[in-house]
Protein backbone atom coordinates (compact mmCIF):
# COMPACT_ATOMS: atom_id res chain seq x y z
CA MET A 1 -48.03 -8.63 2.64
CA ILE A 2 -45.05 -8.61 4.01
CA LEU A 3 -41.81 -10.67 3.62
CA THR A 4 -38.94 -10.43 5.41
CA LEU A 5 -35.81 -12.08 4.18
CA HIS A 6 -32.77 -12.63 6.57
CA ARG A 7 -29.55 -12.70 4.95
CA THR A 8 -25.86 -14.02 5.69
CA TYR A 9 -23.31 -12.65 3.48
CA PHE A 10 -19.92 -14.47 2.12
CA LYS A 11 -17.43 -13.15 -0.24
CA GLU A 12 -18.42 -15.51 -2.81
CA GLY A 13 -22.44 -14.98 -2.33
CA THR A 14 -25.43 -13.81 -0.23
CA ASN A 15 -27.84 -16.51 1.22
CA GLY A 16 -30.90 -16.06 2.68
CA ALA A 17 -34.07 -17.16 4.04
CA LEU A 18 -37.76 -15.87 3.26
CA PHE A 19 -40.67 -15.36 5.76
CA ASN A 20 -43.99 -14.29 5.24
CA ASN A 21 -44.97 -13.35 9.19
CA SER A 22 -42.80 -16.53 10.68
CA ARG A 23 -43.57 -18.64 8.23
CA PHE A 24 -40.68 -20.37 6.48
CA LEU A 25 -41.28 -19.90 2.36
CA GLY A 26 -37.80 -21.16 1.16
CA PHE A 27 -34.43 -20.14 1.06
CA VAL A 28 -32.71 -17.24 -1.28
CA ILE A 29 -29.66 -16.96 -3.08
CA GLU A 30 -27.96 -13.76 -4.53
CA LEU A 31 -24.55 -12.40 -5.09
CA PRO A 32 -21.81 -10.87 -2.49
CA TRP A 33 -21.93 -7.36 -1.29
CA GLN A 34 -19.88 -5.32 -4.03
CA ASP A 35 -21.16 -2.13 -2.26
CA ASN A 36 -24.02 -2.12 -4.44
CA LYS A 37 -22.21 -2.24 -7.92
CA LYS A 38 -24.82 -2.84 -10.80
CA GLN A 39 -24.80 -6.39 -11.98
CA GLN A 40 -21.94 -7.44 -9.29
CA SER A 41 -24.11 -6.91 -5.67
CA CYS A 42 -26.91 -8.04 -3.99
CA ILE A 43 -28.38 -4.57 -3.15
CA PRO A 44 -28.96 -2.67 0.53
CA GLU A 45 -30.72 -4.09 2.74
CA GLY A 46 -34.08 -2.02 3.68
CA ASN A 47 -37.64 -1.84 2.32
CA TYR A 48 -38.90 -2.67 -1.21
CA VAL A 49 -42.49 -2.52 -2.25
CA LEU A 50 -42.77 -6.03 -4.68
CA LYS A 51 -44.96 -5.65 -8.28
CA PRO A 52 -46.30 -7.92 -10.26
CA ARG A 53 -44.18 -8.03 -13.59
CA PHE A 54 -44.19 -10.15 -16.94
CA SER A 55 -41.89 -10.48 -19.57
CA GLU A 56 -41.01 -13.46 -22.38
CA LYS A 57 -37.84 -14.37 -20.01
CA PHE A 58 -39.61 -15.33 -16.77
CA ASN A 59 -43.56 -14.91 -16.91
CA HIS A 60 -45.13 -13.99 -14.86
CA HIS A 61 -42.47 -13.20 -11.77
CA LEU A 62 -41.82 -10.22 -9.06
CA GLN A 63 -40.00 -6.89 -9.65
CA LEU A 64 -38.33 -4.91 -6.34
CA GLU A 65 -39.21 -0.78 -6.28
CA TYR A 66 -37.20 1.85 -5.41
CA VAL A 67 -33.76 0.22 -5.26
CA PRO A 68 -31.43 2.90 -4.61
CA GLY A 69 -29.56 3.28 -7.77
CA ARG A 70 -30.78 0.22 -9.47
CA SER A 71 -33.23 -0.46 -11.86
CA LEU A 72 -34.99 -4.05 -12.94
CA ILE A 73 -34.37 -6.39 -10.36
CA LEU A 74 -36.23 -8.93 -10.07
CA ILE A 75 -37.15 -12.10 -7.66
CA HIS A 76 -37.02 -14.99 -10.73
CA PRO A 77 -35.98 -18.90 -10.36
CA ALA A 78 -31.88 -19.53 -10.86
CA ASN A 79 -30.42 -22.29 -8.81
CA ASP A 80 -26.12 -20.46 -9.14
CA ALA A 81 -26.05 -16.56 -8.30
CA SER A 82 -22.85 -15.96 -10.16
CA LYS A 83 -23.66 -18.23 -13.15
CA GLU A 84 -27.51 -16.72 -13.01
CA LEU A 85 -28.17 -13.37 -11.64
CA LYS A 86 -27.34 -9.77 -12.16
CA GLY A 87 -28.43 -8.59 -8.38
CA CYS A 88 -31.62 -9.94 -8.63
CA LEU A 89 -32.91 -12.13 -5.91
CA ALA A 90 -33.79 -15.69 -6.58
CA PRO A 91 -35.72 -17.99 -3.91
CA VAL A 92 -34.22 -21.78 -3.97
CA SER A 93 -35.73 -24.91 -2.29
CA SER A 94 -32.63 -26.33 -0.64
CA LEU A 95 -29.72 -24.44 -0.55
CA THR A 96 -26.63 -26.58 -1.65
CA GLY A 97 -23.63 -24.03 -0.87
CA ILE A 98 -23.03 -20.12 -0.96
CA ALA A 99 -25.37 -18.69 -3.25
CA LYS A 100 -26.49 -22.07 -4.80
CA GLY A 101 -29.24 -24.17 -4.41
CA LEU A 102 -31.59 -27.07 -6.07
CA GLN A 103 -35.33 -26.72 -7.68
CA SER A 104 -35.68 -22.63 -7.40
CA ARG A 105 -38.99 -22.89 -9.76
CA ILE A 106 -40.88 -24.60 -7.37
CA VAL A 107 -40.49 -22.11 -4.21
CA PHE A 108 -40.60 -19.39 -6.53
CA GLN A 109 -44.08 -20.60 -8.04
CA LYS A 110 -44.81 -20.95 -4.13
CA ILE A 111 -44.04 -17.05 -3.48
CA VAL A 112 -45.27 -15.92 -7.03
CA SER A 113 -48.61 -17.09 -6.13
CA LEU A 114 -48.97 -15.90 -2.70
CA CYS A 115 -47.77 -12.14 -4.06
CA TYR A 116 -50.04 -12.49 -6.77
CA GLN A 117 -53.10 -13.58 -4.64
CA ALA A 118 -52.22 -10.59 -2.27
CA PHE A 119 -52.01 -8.36 -5.33
CA ASP A 120 -55.06 -9.63 -6.29
CA ARG A 121 -57.11 -8.58 -3.31
CA LYS A 122 -55.64 -5.26 -3.69
CA GLU A 123 -52.28 -5.31 -0.87
CA GLN A 124 -49.65 -3.63 -1.15
CA VAL A 125 -46.62 -6.10 -0.96
CA THR A 126 -43.11 -5.30 0.72
CA LEU A 127 -39.94 -6.90 1.29
CA THR A 128 -37.51 -6.29 4.67
CA ILE A 129 -33.81 -7.26 3.53
CA LYS A 130 -32.24 -7.37 6.95
CA SER A 131 -28.88 -9.13 8.08
């Protein structure tokens, strides 16, 4: 399964739209591009493998593998990138501004469910990020 994130960059943060094939899944908020600095920047554009992950904080969520110069890049719920993200990606139901949105958990659960169904079918799940 291939997910595609189309990004728009702003000084204050990054907004994106996430698709599975041509089906819109939701928006994504991220930190601004800061030359891939750890915990300060969104990650570089490219193709990434998604893996299932579980933690006490986020329960079932997703991790991006093989991010250049970075580790533990996750997809998890958040509604304000500058206050809640340290380089990760957060799906939101609607955008309220640059790198801000609403109802993250609703669209996050939809994406996690879709990906975990693919994992159960032994499919590789990838995320392509582009502007």
